[in-house]
Amino acid sequence: MTFLIVLCISYAFIVFIFYFLQDFFFFRPELLPSDFKYQYSFPFEEKQFDLPDGGRINAIWFKVPNSLGVVYFLKGNSRSIKGWGKFAKDYVGKGYDFFMMDYRGFGKSRGHRSEHIIYSDTEYIYNWLNQQYDQKKIVVLGRSLGTGFAARVAAWNDPKLLILDSPYYSFQYQISRFAWWLPLKWILKYKIPTWQYLQKVKCHVYIIHGDKDFLISYEQGVRLQKLIPDRATLITIKGGRHNNLPAFESYHKALYRILNS
């Protein structure tokens, strides 16, 4: 009986810790001072968006002459756009402007963060981009954590394309693969049902996934493609893991085909 009591108390303590510290587990932000100066080898503008609720979104806008459109990039769960800027070259080199933002609490972005606040912020930025570009010149691209947010943006709008790089079926499903023993239905603050949003997307969807991705399993990308087989193309990077897809020539060739489709 004593053992069971200790076990129950220990379990309740773990649930308590998980509930209040889950942002710490899921997000690995890099904070930057407000006067930090970005440095890149190609032209860009730094943008600052003051939101109605007092939050602030910091973003970088890479621009090329006579661009074919813009790639709206929603990043993963780590660092800041300072460290993600290296991905811009894949797109500006193909004639596209490239726009990326930091979620609140990352980089120079400020304010309280939640699933629905990120939804609101990413939609706000999309609407701003739609004032700069025709909607049919906007490509929405999500990477890792950002794939769920990208799918929602595309579901609520009508961009040219949606690209999901290493997506999860839902964030709840992804976390359940590692914490199946926790009551996630009740304590998880981020559900992000990518699969639901994907079914509402009207444009074509390209899903890029490494078949050796053990963080966000390859089968999740397969399941997403099967939801809308007539509107989604799965591109498998043979041997690709979660963080090394840009090391594969097949990855860059796939991006070239997609952006020139």
Protein backbone atom coordinates (compact mmCIF):
# COMPACT_ATOMS: atom_id res chain seq x y z
CA MET A 1 0.00 0.00 0.00
CA THR A 2 2.83 2.40 0.87
CA PHE A 3 4.45 1.68 -2.49
CA LEU A 4 1.22 2.53 -4.35
CA ILE A 5 0.83 5.77 -2.44
CA VAL A 6 4.41 6.78 -3.25
CA LEU A 7 3.87 5.81 -6.89
CA CYS A 8 0.68 7.89 -7.15
CA ILE A 9 2.30 10.89 -5.49
CA SER A 10 5.32 10.61 -7.79
CA TYR A 11 3.10 10.39 -10.86
CA ALA A 12 1.04 13.39 -9.76
CA PHE A 13 4.25 15.35 -9.19
CA ILE A 14 5.52 14.51 -12.70
CA VAL A 15 2.18 15.57 -14.21
CA PHE A 16 2.32 18.81 -12.23
CA ILE A 17 5.88 19.56 -13.39
CA PHE A 18 5.05 18.73 -17.01
CA TYR A 19 1.98 20.97 -17.03
CA PHE A 20 3.77 24.04 -15.72
CA LEU A 21 7.11 23.55 -17.48
CA GLN A 22 6.01 22.24 -20.87
CA ASP A 23 6.99 25.45 -22.64
CA PHE A 24 10.51 24.88 -21.33
CA PHE A 25 10.47 21.32 -22.72
CA PHE A 26 9.05 22.21 -26.15
CA PHE A 27 10.75 25.53 -26.93
CA ARG A 28 14.46 26.31 -27.04
CA PRO A 29 14.50 30.04 -27.78
CA GLU A 30 17.52 32.25 -28.26
CA LEU A 31 16.88 35.73 -26.89
CA LEU A 32 18.44 38.71 -28.65
CA PRO A 33 18.80 42.29 -27.36
CA SER A 34 16.58 44.83 -29.07
CA ASP A 35 19.60 46.57 -30.59
CA PHE A 36 21.06 43.38 -32.11
CA LYS A 37 22.13 43.86 -35.74
CA TYR A 38 21.52 41.01 -38.20
CA GLN A 39 24.21 40.34 -40.76
CA TYR A 40 23.62 38.45 -44.01
CA SER A 41 25.35 38.30 -47.36
CA PHE A 42 22.27 39.34 -49.35
CA PRO A 43 19.85 42.29 -49.04
CA PHE A 44 17.18 42.26 -46.34
CA GLU A 45 14.89 44.47 -44.30
CA GLU A 46 14.24 44.03 -40.61
CA LYS A 47 10.55 44.39 -39.75
CA GLN A 48 8.90 45.03 -36.41
CA PHE A 49 5.19 44.39 -35.83
CA ASP A 50 3.50 45.75 -32.72
CA LEU A 51 0.42 43.62 -32.07
CA PRO A 52 -2.88 44.89 -30.64
CA ASP A 53 -2.40 42.95 -27.37
CA GLY A 54 1.00 44.50 -26.71
CA GLY A 55 3.09 41.70 -28.18
CA ARG A 56 5.84 42.33 -30.70
CA ILE A 57 6.96 40.24 -33.66
CA ASN A 58 10.40 40.70 -35.16
CA ALA A 59 11.00 39.48 -38.70
CA ILE A 60 13.49 39.48 -41.56
CA TRP A 61 12.45 40.09 -45.17
CA PHE A 62 14.96 39.05 -47.82
CA LYS A 63 14.19 40.63 -51.20
CA VAL A 64 15.41 39.98 -54.73
CA PRO A 65 14.85 42.11 -57.86
CA ASN A 66 11.81 41.08 -59.92
CA SER A 67 10.91 38.31 -57.49
CA LEU A 68 8.60 35.45 -58.45
CA GLY A 69 6.80 35.81 -55.13
CA VAL A 70 7.57 35.30 -51.46
CA VAL A 71 8.22 32.27 -49.27
CA TYR A 72 6.64 32.78 -45.84
CA PHE A 73 8.76 30.61 -43.54
CA LEU A 74 7.58 29.36 -40.14
CA LYS A 75 10.53 27.96 -38.23
CA GLY A 76 11.06 25.17 -35.74
CA ASN A 77 11.26 25.30 -31.96
CA SER A 78 14.84 26.41 -31.40
CA ARG A 79 17.15 29.43 -31.54
CA SER A 80 16.05 32.60 -33.34
CA ILE A 81 15.80 33.79 -36.93
CA LYS A 82 19.45 34.79 -36.58
CA GLY A 83 20.31 31.10 -36.81
CA TRP A 84 17.63 30.24 -39.36
CA GLY A 85 18.68 32.86 -41.90
CA LYS A 86 20.95 30.35 -43.62
CA PHE A 87 17.85 28.76 -45.16
CA ALA A 88 17.07 31.92 -47.12
CA LYS A 89 19.69 31.18 -49.78
CA ASP A 90 17.69 28.21 -51.06
CA TYR A 91 14.86 30.55 -51.99
CA VAL A 92 16.42 33.88 -52.91
CA GLY A 93 18.71 31.93 -55.23
CA LYS A 94 15.61 30.64 -56.99
CA GLY A 95 14.13 34.10 -57.48
CA TYR A 96 11.86 34.29 -54.42
CA ASP A 97 11.73 36.80 -51.62
CA PHE A 98 11.99 35.09 -48.23
CA PHE A 99 10.18 36.21 -45.08
CA MET A 100 10.70 34.68 -41.65
CA MET A 101 9.46 35.69 -38.22
CA ASP A 102 10.35 34.82 -34.65
CA TYR A 103 7.61 33.55 -32.37
CA ARG A 104 7.08 35.51 -29.17
CA GLY A 105 9.88 34.88 -26.70
CA PHE A 106 12.35 34.12 -29.51
CA GLY A 107 15.01 36.52 -30.76
CA LYS A 108 13.74 40.09 -30.55
CA SER A 109 10.05 39.14 -30.46
CA ARG A 110 8.34 39.81 -27.16
CA GLY A 111 5.16 38.86 -25.32
CA HIS A 112 3.26 35.93 -23.87
CA ARG A 113 3.17 32.81 -26.06
CA SER A 114 0.44 30.18 -26.48
CA GLU A 115 -0.90 27.99 -29.26
CA HIS A 116 -3.70 30.41 -30.11
CA ILE A 117 -1.47 33.47 -29.83
CA ILE A 118 0.93 31.91 -32.35
CA TYR A 119 -2.06 31.19 -34.61
CA SER A 120 -3.10 34.83 -34.35
CA ASP A 121 0.42 36.16 -34.93
CA THR A 122 1.11 33.99 -37.97
CA GLU A 123 -2.24 34.99 -39.47
CA TYR A 124 -1.50 38.67 -38.80
CA ILE A 125 1.80 38.40 -40.65
CA TYR A 126 0.18 36.53 -43.55
CA ASN A 127 -2.40 39.31 -43.92
CA TRP A 128 0.41 41.86 -43.98
CA LEU A 129 2.25 39.88 -46.67
CA ASN A 130 -0.97 39.71 -48.66
CA GLN A 131 -0.89 43.50 -48.81
CA GLN A 132 2.60 43.32 -50.34
CA TYR A 133 2.01 40.40 -52.74
CA ASP A 134 -0.84 38.86 -54.64
CA GLN A 135 -1.97 35.82 -52.65
CA LYS A 136 -1.12 33.53 -55.56
CA LYS A 137 2.50 34.59 -55.18
CA ILE A 138 2.75 33.53 -51.53
CA VAL A 139 4.30 30.15 -50.72
CA VAL A 140 3.76 29.07 -47.11
CA LEU A 141 6.59 26.92 -45.77
CA GLY A 142 6.67 25.27 -42.36
CA ARG A 143 9.60 23.43 -40.86
CA SER A 144 9.29 20.97 -37.93
CA LEU A 145 7.23 22.73 -35.21
CA GLY A 146 6.25 25.37 -37.76
CA THR A 147 4.49 22.85 -40.03
CA GLY A 148 1.33 22.85 -37.92
CA PHE A 149 1.17 26.64 -37.90
CA ALA A 150 1.86 26.73 -41.65
CA ALA A 151 -0.96 24.26 -42.32
CA ARG A 152 -3.38 26.43 -40.35
CA VAL A 153 -2.34 29.60 -42.20
CA ALA A 154 -2.85 27.84 -45.55
CA ALA A 155 -6.20 26.42 -44.43
CA TRP A 156 -7.51 29.90 -43.57
CA ASN A 157 -6.21 31.51 -46.75
CA ASP A 158 -5.47 30.63 -50.36
CA PRO A 159 -1.71 30.75 -51.02
CA LYS A 160 0.03 29.46 -54.12
CA LEU A 161 1.57 26.45 -52.37
CA LEU A 162 2.06 24.89 -48.96
CA ILE A 163 5.36 23.13 -48.20
CA LEU A 164 5.70 21.06 -45.03
CA ASP A 165 9.25 20.10 -44.12
CA SER A 166 9.32 17.23 -41.58
CA PRO A 167 5.71 17.62 -40.36
CA TYR A 168 3.88 16.00 -37.44
CA TYR A 169 0.37 14.52 -37.72
CA SER A 170 -0.61 16.54 -34.68
CA PHE A 171 1.52 17.95 -31.89
CA GLN A 172 -0.42 15.88 -29.38
CA TYR A 173 0.35 12.71 -31.34
CA GLN A 174 4.01 13.69 -31.62
CA ILE A 175 4.39 14.21 -27.86
CA SER A 176 2.44 11.02 -27.11
CA ARG A 177 5.17 9.03 -28.87
CA PHE A 178 7.52 9.95 -26.01
CA ALA A 179 5.11 10.65 -23.14
CA TRP A 180 2.32 8.14 -23.81
CA TRP A 181 1.94 7.57 -20.09
CA LEU A 182 0.89 11.16 -19.36
CA PRO A 183 -2.75 12.36 -19.58
CA LEU A 184 -1.92 14.62 -22.53
CA LYS A 185 -5.53 15.14 -23.54
CA TRP A 186 -6.04 17.20 -20.38
CA ILE A 187 -2.64 18.73 -19.64
CA LEU A 188 -1.04 19.44 -23.02
CA LYS A 189 -1.31 23.16 -23.85
CA TYR A 190 -0.31 22.75 -27.51
CA LYS A 191 -2.51 20.37 -29.54
CA ILE A 192 -1.87 21.73 -33.10
CA PRO A 193 -3.94 19.27 -35.20
CA THR A 194 -2.04 19.51 -38.49
CA TRP A 195 -4.16 16.73 -39.98
CA GLN A 196 -7.36 18.73 -39.48
CA TYR A 197 -5.98 21.90 -41.03
CA LEU A 198 -4.51 20.03 -43.97
CA GLN A 199 -7.93 18.79 -45.07
CA LYS A 200 -9.09 22.40 -45.43
CA VAL A 201 -6.13 23.53 -47.54
CA LYS A 202 -7.13 24.33 -51.14
CA CYS A 203 -3.70 24.67 -52.76
CA HIS A 204 -1.30 21.86 -53.55
CA VAL A 205 0.74 20.58 -50.62
CA TYR A 206 4.30 19.26 -50.79
CA ILE A 207 5.45 17.14 -47.85
CA ILE A 208 9.20 16.66 -47.54
CA HIS A 209 10.36 14.08 -45.00
CA GLY A 210 13.49 12.06 -44.33
CA ASP A 211 12.81 8.34 -44.01
CA LYS A 212 15.31 8.11 -41.12
CA ASP A 213 13.73 10.89 -39.09
CA PHE A 214 13.41 9.48 -35.58
CA LEU A 215 12.36 12.74 -33.91
CA ILE A 216 9.25 13.40 -36.01
CA SER A 217 8.69 10.00 -37.55
CA TYR A 218 8.48 9.59 -41.32
CA GLU A 219 5.16 7.76 -40.98
CA GLN A 220 3.54 11.01 -39.87
CA GLY A 221 4.37 12.60 -43.21
CA VAL A 222 3.01 9.50 -44.97
CA ARG A 223 -0.25 9.68 -43.00
CA LEU A 224 -0.71 13.35 -43.83
CA GLN A 225 -0.23 12.75 -47.55
CA LYS A 226 -2.81 9.95 -47.50
CA LEU A 227 -5.42 12.33 -46.09
CA ILE A 228 -5.49 14.34 -49.34
CA PRO A 229 -3.74 12.18 -51.96
CA ASP A 230 -5.12 14.24 -54.85
CA ARG A 231 -3.68 17.51 -53.46
CA ALA A 232 -0.54 16.38 -51.65
CA THR A 233 2.80 15.09 -52.91
CA LEU A 234 5.14 13.24 -50.55
CA ILE A 235 8.83 13.70 -51.29
CA THR A 236 10.99 11.18 -49.45
CA ILE A 237 14.61 12.07 -48.72
CA LYS A 238 16.33 8.69 -48.56
CA GLY A 239 18.53 8.48 -45.49
CA GLY A 240 17.40 11.89 -44.27
CA ARG A 241 17.09 12.53 -40.54
CA HIS A 242 15.37 15.42 -38.82
CA ASN A 243 18.10 18.04 -38.91
CA ASN A 244 20.20 17.16 -41.94
CA LEU A 245 17.90 17.38 -44.97
CA PRO A 246 19.76 20.38 -46.50
CA ALA A 247 22.85 18.13 -46.70
CA PHE A 248 21.12 16.04 -49.40
CA GLU A 249 21.23 17.06 -53.04
CA SER A 250 17.81 15.45 -53.51
CA TYR A 251 16.37 17.96 -51.02
CA HIS A 252 17.58 20.97 -53.02
CA LYS A 253 16.45 19.40 -56.29
CA ALA A 254 13.00 18.87 -54.78
CA LEU A 255 12.79 22.52 -53.73
CA TYR A 256 13.79 23.59 -57.24
CA ARG A 257 11.04 21.44 -58.79
CA ILE A 258 8.45 22.67 -56.32
CA LEU A 259 9.21 26.36 -56.74
CA ASN A 260 9.24 26.05 -60.51
CA SER A 261 6.02 24.03 -60.67
